[in-house]
């Protein structure tokens, strides 16, 4: 009976270790996902800023053209 008890205790410790390891893995996966989301958000913000600046430049260029056409008449 003593052999079964020791084997059972080792099996329980192994299960506890596996559960702890799984918990750490889940935690690390969550951190990795958070980092990826942050990185993606920065990329979107940068792209949006470029688009807005490009559109603003085109608007200014168009306004200059209109002003030039209306002032020369």
PDB file of N, CA and C in Angstrom:
ATOM      1  N   UNK A   1       0.815  -1.191   0.000  1.00  0.00           N
ATOM      2  CA  UNK A   1       0.000   0.000   0.000  1.00  0.00           C
ATOM      3  C   UNK A   1       0.858   1.254   0.000  1.00  0.00           C
ATOM      4  N   UNK A   2       1.970   1.199   0.655  1.00  0.00           N
ATOM      5  CA  UNK A   2       2.850   2.360   0.701  1.00  0.00           C
ATOM      6  C   UNK A   2       3.356   2.744  -0.679  1.00  0.00           C
ATOM      7  N   UNK A   3       3.582   1.782  -1.533  1.00  0.00           N
ATOM      8  CA  UNK A   3       4.076   2.055  -2.885  1.00  0.00           C
ATOM      9  C   UNK A   3       3.009   2.797  -3.694  1.00  0.00           C
ATOM     10  N   UNK A   4       1.764   2.408  -3.551  1.00  0.00           N
ATOM     11  CA  UNK A   4       0.692   3.070  -4.280  1.00  0.00           C
ATOM     12  C   UNK A   4       0.515   4.515  -3.818  1.00  0.00           C
ATOM     13  N   UNK A   5       0.672   4.737  -2.536  1.00  0.00           N
ATOM     14  CA  UNK A   5       0.515   6.086  -2.001  1.00  0.00           C
ATOM     15  C   UNK A   5       1.606   6.999  -2.526  1.00  0.00           C
ATOM     16  N   UNK A   6       2.832   6.513  -2.555  1.00  0.00           N
ATOM     17  CA  UNK A   6       3.940   7.321  -3.056  1.00  0.00           C
ATOM     18  C   UNK A   6       3.736   7.609  -4.537  1.00  0.00           C
ATOM     19  N   UNK A   7       3.340   6.588  -5.294  1.00  0.00           N
ATOM     20  CA  UNK A   7       3.082   6.779  -6.720  1.00  0.00           C
ATOM     21  C   UNK A   7       1.949   7.760  -6.946  1.00  0.00           C
ATOM     22  N   UNK A   8       0.926   7.666  -6.126  1.00  0.00           N
ATOM     23  CA  UNK A   8      -0.209   8.589  -6.233  1.00  0.00           C
ATOM     24  C   UNK A   8       0.208  10.015  -5.914  1.00  0.00           C
ATOM     25  N   UNK A   9       1.080  10.187  -4.938  1.00  0.00           N
ATOM     26  CA  UNK A   9       1.555  11.523  -4.574  1.00  0.00           C
ATOM     27  C   UNK A   9       2.391  12.107  -5.703  1.00  0.00           C
ATOM     28  N   UNK A  10       3.211  11.268  -6.319  1.00  0.00           N
ATOM     29  CA  UNK A  10       4.020  11.760  -7.439  1.00  0.00           C
ATOM     30  C   UNK A  10       3.131  12.153  -8.618  1.00  0.00           C
ATOM     31  N   UNK A  11       2.102  11.400  -8.841  1.00  0.00           N
ATOM     32  CA  UNK A  11       1.187  11.712  -9.931  1.00  0.00           C
ATOM     33  C   UNK A  11       0.466  13.037  -9.670  1.00  0.00           C
ATOM     34  N   UNK A  12       0.105  13.277  -8.412  1.00  0.00           N
ATOM     35  CA  UNK A  12      -0.565  14.526  -8.070  1.00  0.00           C
ATOM     36  C   UNK A  12       0.385  15.709  -8.233  1.00  0.00           C
ATOM     37  N   UNK A  13       1.644  15.523  -7.813  1.00  0.00           N
ATOM     38  CA  UNK A  13       2.625  16.598  -7.974  1.00  0.00           C
ATOM     39  C   UNK A  13       2.840  16.897  -9.450  1.00  0.00           C
ATOM     40  N   UNK A  14       2.883  15.873 -10.252  1.00  0.00           N
ATOM     41  CA  UNK A  14       3.037  16.072 -11.692  1.00  0.00           C
ATOM     42  C   UNK A  14       1.866  16.825 -12.271  1.00  0.00           C
ATOM     43  N   UNK A  15       0.674  16.514 -11.810  1.00  0.00           N
ATOM     44  CA  UNK A  15      -0.523  17.205 -12.289  1.00  0.00           C
ATOM     45  C   UNK A  15      -0.498  18.668 -11.857  1.00  0.00           C
ATOM     46  N   UNK A  16      -0.059  18.924 -10.627  1.00  0.00           N
ATOM     47  CA  UNK A  16       0.048  20.304 -10.145  1.00  0.00           C
ATOM     48  C   UNK A  16       1.059  21.083 -10.984  1.00  0.00           C
ATOM     49  N   UNK A  17       2.194  20.457 -11.257  1.00  0.00           N
ATOM     50  CA  UNK A  17       3.221  21.116 -12.064  1.00  0.00           C
ATOM     51  C   UNK A  17       2.702  21.410 -13.469  1.00  0.00           C
ATOM     52  N   UNK A  18       1.965  20.453 -14.023  1.00  0.00           N
ATOM     53  CA  UNK A  18       1.403  20.668 -15.356  1.00  0.00           C
ATOM     54  C   UNK A  18       0.406  21.818 -15.346  1.00  0.00           C
ATOM     55  N   UNK A  19      -0.402  21.886 -14.301  1.00  0.00           N
ATOM     56  CA  UNK A  19      -1.385  22.964 -14.198  1.00  0.00           C
ATOM     57  C   UNK A  19      -0.681  24.310 -14.051  1.00  0.00           C
ATOM     58  N   UNK A  20       0.369  24.357 -13.252  1.00  0.00           N
ATOM     59  CA  UNK A  20       1.123  25.596 -13.080  1.00  0.00           C
ATOM     60  C   UNK A  20       1.768  26.013 -14.400  1.00  0.00           C
ATOM     61  N   UNK A  21       2.342  25.049 -15.087  1.00  0.00           N
ATOM     62  CA  UNK A  21       2.997  25.330 -16.361  1.00  0.00           C
ATOM     63  C   UNK A  21       1.976  25.848 -17.376  1.00  0.00           C
ATOM     64  N   UNK A  22       0.808  25.234 -17.386  1.00  0.00           N
ATOM     65  CA  UNK A  22      -0.250  25.672 -18.299  1.00  0.00           C
ATOM     66  C   UNK A  22      -0.680  27.099 -17.967  1.00  0.00           C
ATOM     67  N   UNK A  23      -0.767  27.404 -16.697  1.00  0.00           N
ATOM     68  CA  UNK A  23      -1.127  28.754 -16.277  1.00  0.00           C
ATOM     69  C   UNK A  23      -0.099  29.777 -16.720  1.00  0.00           C
ATOM     70  N   UNK A  24       1.177  29.420 -16.571  1.00  0.00           N
ATOM     71  CA  UNK A  24       2.251  30.323 -17.013  1.00  0.00           C
ATOM     72  C   UNK A  24       2.205  30.503 -18.526  1.00  0.00           C
ATOM     73  N   UNK A  25       1.929  29.431 -19.239  1.00  0.00           N
ATOM     74  CA  UNK A  25       1.845  29.505 -20.702  1.00  0.00           C
ATOM     75  C   UNK A  25       0.714  30.431 -21.136  1.00  0.00           C
ATOM     76  N   UNK A  26      -0.422  30.314 -20.467  1.00  0.00           N
ATOM     77  CA  UNK A  26      -1.566  31.169 -20.790  1.00  0.00           C
ATOM     78  C   UNK A  26      -1.227  32.625 -20.491  1.00  0.00           C
ATOM     79  N   UNK A  27      -0.576  32.863 -19.372  1.00  0.00           N
ATOM     80  CA  UNK A  27      -0.192  34.219 -19.000  1.00  0.00           C
ATOM     81  C   UNK A  27       0.762  34.805 -20.035  1.00  0.00           C
ATOM     82  N   UNK A  28       1.751  34.039 -20.447  1.00  0.00           N
ATOM     83  CA  UNK A  28       2.717  34.507 -21.438  1.00  0.00           C
ATOM     84  C   UNK A  28       2.041  34.742 -22.791  1.00  0.00           C
ATOM     85  N   UNK A  29       1.106  33.896 -23.149  1.00  0.00           N
ATOM     86  CA  UNK A  29       0.373  34.075 -24.405  1.00  0.00           C
ATOM     87  C   UNK A  29      -0.423  35.375 -24.368  1.00  0.00           C
ATOM     88  N   UNK A  30      -1.019  35.665 -23.234  1.00  0.00           N
ATOM     89  CA  UNK A  30      -1.759  36.916 -23.080  1.00  0.00           C
ATOM     90  C   UNK A  30      -0.853  38.122 -23.211  1.00  0.00           C
ATOM     91  N   UNK A  31       0.332  38.049 -22.632  1.00  0.00           N
ATOM     92  CA  UNK A  31       1.291  39.150 -22.744  1.00  0.00           C
ATOM     93  C   UNK A  31       1.724  39.327 -24.192  1.00  0.00           C
ATOM     94  N   UNK A  32       1.992  38.224 -24.867  1.00  0.00           N
ATOM     95  CA  UNK A  32       2.408  38.294 -26.268  1.00  0.00           C
ATOM     96  C   UNK A  32       1.318  38.914 -27.127  1.00  0.00           C
ATOM     97  N   UNK A  33       0.089  38.529 -26.868  1.00  0.00           N
ATOM     98  CA  UNK A  33      -1.035  39.089 -27.627  1.00  0.00           C
ATOM     99  C   UNK A  33      -1.143  40.585 -27.373  1.00  0.00           C
ATOM    100  N   UNK A  34      -0.972  40.977 -26.129  1.00  0.00           N
ATOM    101  CA  UNK A  34      -1.029  42.401 -25.788  1.00  0.00           C
ATOM    102  C   UNK A  34       0.048  43.193 -26.501  1.00  0.00           C
ATOM    103  N   UNK A  35       1.250  42.635 -26.556  1.00  0.00           N
ATOM    104  CA  UNK A  35       2.347  43.316 -27.260  1.00  0.00           C
ATOM    105  C   UNK A  35       2.034  43.433 -28.747  1.00  0.00           C
ATOM    106  N   UNK A  36       1.481  42.382 -29.323  1.00  0.00           N
ATOM    107  CA  UNK A  36       1.151  42.391 -30.752  1.00  0.00           C
ATOM    108  C   UNK A  36       0.071  43.431 -31.047  1.00  0.00           C
ATOM    109  N   UNK A  37      -0.922  43.525 -30.193  1.00  0.00           N
ATOM    110  CA  UNK A  37      -1.997  44.506 -30.381  1.00  0.00           C
ATOM    111  C   UNK A  37      -1.440  45.925 -30.291  1.00  0.00           C
ATOM    112  N   UNK A  38      -0.564  46.144 -29.331  1.00  0.00           N
ATOM    113  CA  UNK A  38       0.041  47.461 -29.166  1.00  0.00           C
ATOM    114  C   UNK A  38       0.839  47.833 -30.417  1.00  0.00           C
ATOM    115  N   UNK A  39       1.602  46.886 -30.933  1.00  0.00           N
ATOM    116  CA  UNK A  39       2.405  47.114 -32.129  1.00  0.00           C
ATOM    117  C   UNK A  39       1.504  47.428 -33.321  1.00  0.00           C
ATOM    118  N   UNK A  40       0.444  46.669 -33.470  1.00  0.00           N
ATOM    119  CA  UNK A  40      -0.498  46.891 -34.579  1.00  0.00           C
ATOM    120  C   UNK A  40      -1.167  48.252 -34.454  1.00  0.00           C
ATOM    121  N   UNK A  41      -1.530  48.616 -33.255  1.00  0.00           N
ATOM    122  CA  UNK A  41      -2.159  49.917 -33.032  1.00  0.00           C
ATOM    123  C   UNK A  41      -1.247  51.060 -33.420  1.00  0.00           C
ATOM    124  N   UNK A  42       0.034  50.930 -33.103  1.00  0.00           N
ATOM    125  CA  UNK A  42       0.995  51.971 -33.471  1.00  0.00           C
ATOM    126  C   UNK A  42       1.124  52.058 -34.982  1.00  0.00           C
ATOM    127  N   UNK A  43       1.137  50.919 -35.659  1.00  0.00           N
ATOM    128  CA  UNK A  43       1.247  50.909 -37.117  1.00  0.00           C
ATOM    129  C   UNK A  43       0.025  51.559 -37.756  1.00  0.00           C
ATOM    130  N   UNK A  44      -1.157  51.273 -37.229  1.00  0.00           N
ATOM    131  CA  UNK A  44      -2.386  51.876 -37.756  1.00  0.00           C
ATOM    132  C   UNK A  44      -2.349  53.383 -37.552  1.00  0.00           C
ATOM    133  N   UNK A  45      -1.919  53.813 -36.381  1.00  0.00           N
ATOM    134  CA  UNK A  45      -1.853  55.243 -36.095  1.00  0.00           C
ATOM    135  C   UNK A  45      -0.890  55.940 -37.048  1.00  0.00           C
ATOM    136  N   UNK A  46       0.237  55.323 -37.299  1.00  0.00           N
ATOM    137  CA  UNK A  46       1.230  55.910 -38.199  1.00  0.00           C
ATOM    138  C   UNK A  46       0.664  56.010 -39.617  1.00  0.00           C
ATOM    139  N   UNK A  47       0.008  54.949 -40.078  1.00  0.00           N
ATOM    140  CA  UNK A  47      -0.595  54.954 -41.410  1.00  0.00           C
ATOM    141  C   UNK A  47      -1.693  55.996 -41.528  1.00  0.00           C
ATOM    142  N   UNK A  48      -2.488  56.130 -40.490  1.00  0.00           N
ATOM    143  CA  UNK A  48      -3.568  57.119 -40.480  1.00  0.00           C
ATOM    144  C   UNK A  48      -2.989  58.524 -40.550  1.00  0.00           C
ATOM    145  N   UNK A  49      -1.940  58.755 -39.786  1.00  0.00           N
ATOM    146  CA  UNK A  49      -1.304  60.072 -39.778  1.00  0.00           C
ATOM    147  C   UNK A  49      -0.765  60.406 -41.169  1.00  0.00           C
ATOM    148  N   UNK A  50      -0.124  59.436 -41.810  1.00  0.00           N
ATOM    149  CA  UNK A  50       0.393  59.665 -43.160  1.00  0.00           C
ATOM    150  C   UNK A  50      -0.743  60.004 -44.114  1.00  0.00           C
ATOM    151  N   UNK A  51      -1.842  59.262 -44.018  1.00  0.00           N
ATOM    152  CA  UNK A  51      -2.989  59.503 -44.893  1.00  0.00           C
ATOM    153  C   UNK A  51      -3.591  60.879 -44.683  1.00  0.00           C
ATOM    154  N   UNK A  52      -3.725  61.276 -43.447  1.00  0.00           N
ATOM    155  CA  UNK A  52      -4.293  62.590 -43.130  1.00  0.00           C
ATOM    156  C   UNK A  52      -3.389  63.689 -43.660  1.00  0.00           C
ATOM    157  N   UNK A  53      -2.086  63.549 -43.450  1.00  0.00           N
ATOM    158  CA  UNK A  53      -1.145  64.561 -43.927  1.00  0.00           C
ATOM    159  C   UNK A  53      -1.155  64.653 -45.454  1.00  0.00           C
ATOM    160  N   UNK A  54      -1.238  63.501 -46.108  1.00  0.00           N
ATOM    161  CA  UNK A  54      -1.273  63.483 -47.568  1.00  0.00           C
ATOM    162  C   UNK A  54      -2.552  64.160 -48.073  1.00  0.00           C
ATOM    163  N   UNK A  55      -3.665  63.864 -47.443  1.00  0.00           N
ATOM    164  CA  UNK A  55      -4.937  64.475 -47.840  1.00  0.00           C
ATOM    165  C   UNK A  55      -4.901  65.985 -47.606  1.00  0.00           C
ATOM    166  N   UNK A  56      -4.325  66.416 -46.509  1.00  0.00           N
ATOM    167  CA  UNK A  56      -4.237  67.842 -46.212  1.00  0.00           C
ATOM    168  C   UNK A  56      -3.374  68.546 -47.256  1.00  0.00           C
ATOM    169  N   UNK A  57      -2.295  67.905 -47.647  1.00  0.00           N
ATOM    170  CA  UNK A  57      -1.433  68.489 -48.686  1.00  0.00           C
ATOM    171  C   UNK A  57      -2.170  68.613 -50.005  1.00  0.00           C
ATOM    172  N   UNK A  58      -2.939  67.606 -50.368  1.00  0.00           N
ATOM    173  CA  UNK A  58      -3.710  67.644 -51.612  1.00  0.00           C
ATOM    174  C   UNK A  58      -4.780  68.725 -51.543  1.00  0.00           C
ATOM    175  N   UNK A  59      -5.379  68.909 -50.390  1.00  0.00           N
ATOM    176  CA  UNK A  59      -6.390  69.949 -50.221  1.00  0.00           C
ATOM    177  C   UNK A  59      -5.767  71.328 -50.401  1.00  0.00           C
ATOM    178  N   UNK A  60      -4.595  71.539 -49.818  1.00  0.00           N
ATOM    179  CA  UNK A  60      -3.908  72.820 -49.962  1.00  0.00           C
ATOM    180  C   UNK A  60      -3.543  73.074 -51.421  1.00  0.00           C
ATOM    181  N   UNK A  61      -3.071  72.043 -52.091  1.00  0.00           N
ATOM    182  CA  UNK A  61      -2.701  72.164 -53.492  1.00  0.00           C
ATOM    183  C   UNK A  61      -3.926  72.537 -54.331  1.00  0.00           C
ATOM    184  N   UNK A  62      -5.044  71.878 -54.065  1.00  0.00           N
ATOM    185  CA  UNK A  62      -6.286  72.192 -54.769  1.00  0.00           C
ATOM    186  C   UNK A  62      -6.745  73.619 -54.500  1.00  0.00           C
ATOM    187  N   UNK A  63      -6.621  74.054 -53.269  1.00  0.00           N
ATOM    188  CA  UNK A  63      -7.019  75.419 -52.912  1.00  0.00           C
ATOM    189  C   UNK A  63      -6.149  76.434 -53.636  1.00  0.00           C
ATOM    190  N   UNK A  64      -4.857  76.161 -53.754  1.00  0.00           N
ATOM    191  CA  UNK A  64      -3.955  77.065 -54.471  1.00  0.00           C
ATOM    192  C   UNK A  64      -4.348  77.156 -55.949  1.00  0.00           C
ATOM    193  N   UNK A  65      -4.698  76.015 -56.535  1.00  0.00           N
ATOM    194  CA  UNK A  65      -5.109  75.993 -57.943  1.00  0.00           C
ATOM    195  C   UNK A  65      -6.375  76.825 -58.150  1.00  0.00           C
ATOM    196  N   UNK A  66      -7.344  76.649 -57.258  1.00  0.00           N
ATOM    197  CA  UNK A  66      -8.606  77.383 -57.368  1.00  0.00           C
ATOM    198  C   UNK A  66      -8.332  78.870 -57.223  1.00  0.00           C
ATOM    199  N   UNK A  67      -7.507  79.229 -56.253  1.00  0.00           N
ATOM    200  CA  UNK A  67      -7.186  80.647 -56.005  1.00  0.00           C
ATOM    201  C   UNK A  67      -6.482  81.240 -57.221  1.00  0.00           C
ATOM    202  N   UNK A  68      -5.578  80.472 -57.792  1.00  0.00           N
ATOM    203  CA  UNK A  68      -4.824  80.943 -58.954  1.00  0.00           C
ATOM    204  C   UNK A  68      -5.774  81.171 -60.132  1.00  0.00           C
ATOM    205  N   UNK A  69      -6.710  80.266 -60.342  1.00  0.00           N
ATOM    206  CA  UNK A  69      -7.655  80.390 -61.452  1.00  0.00           C
ATOM    207  C   UNK A  69      -8.613  81.549 -61.241  1.00  0.00           C
ATOM    208  N   UNK A  70      -9.055  81.773 -60.020  1.00  0.00           N
ATOM    209  CA  UNK A  70     -10.036  82.825 -59.750  1.00  0.00           C
ATOM    210  C   UNK A  70      -9.372  84.201 -59.699  1.00  0.00           C
ATOM    211  N   UNK A  71      -8.127  84.273 -59.324  1.00  0.00           N
ATOM    212  CA  UNK A  71      -7.470  85.584 -59.210  1.00  0.00           C
ATOM    213  C   UNK A  71      -6.982  86.091 -60.565  1.00  0.00           C
ATOM    214  N   UNK A  72      -6.747  85.203 -61.529  1.00  0.00           N
ATOM    215  CA  UNK A  72      -6.244  85.643 -62.835  1.00  0.00           C
ATOM    216  C   UNK A  72      -7.345  86.092 -63.767  1.00  0.00           C
ATOM    217  N   UNK A  73      -8.626  85.858 -63.425  1.00  0.00           N
ATOM    218  CA  UNK A  73      -9.727  86.250 -64.313  1.00  0.00           C
ATOM    219  C   UNK A  73     -10.020  87.706 -64.251  1.00  0.00           C
TER     220      UNK A  73
END
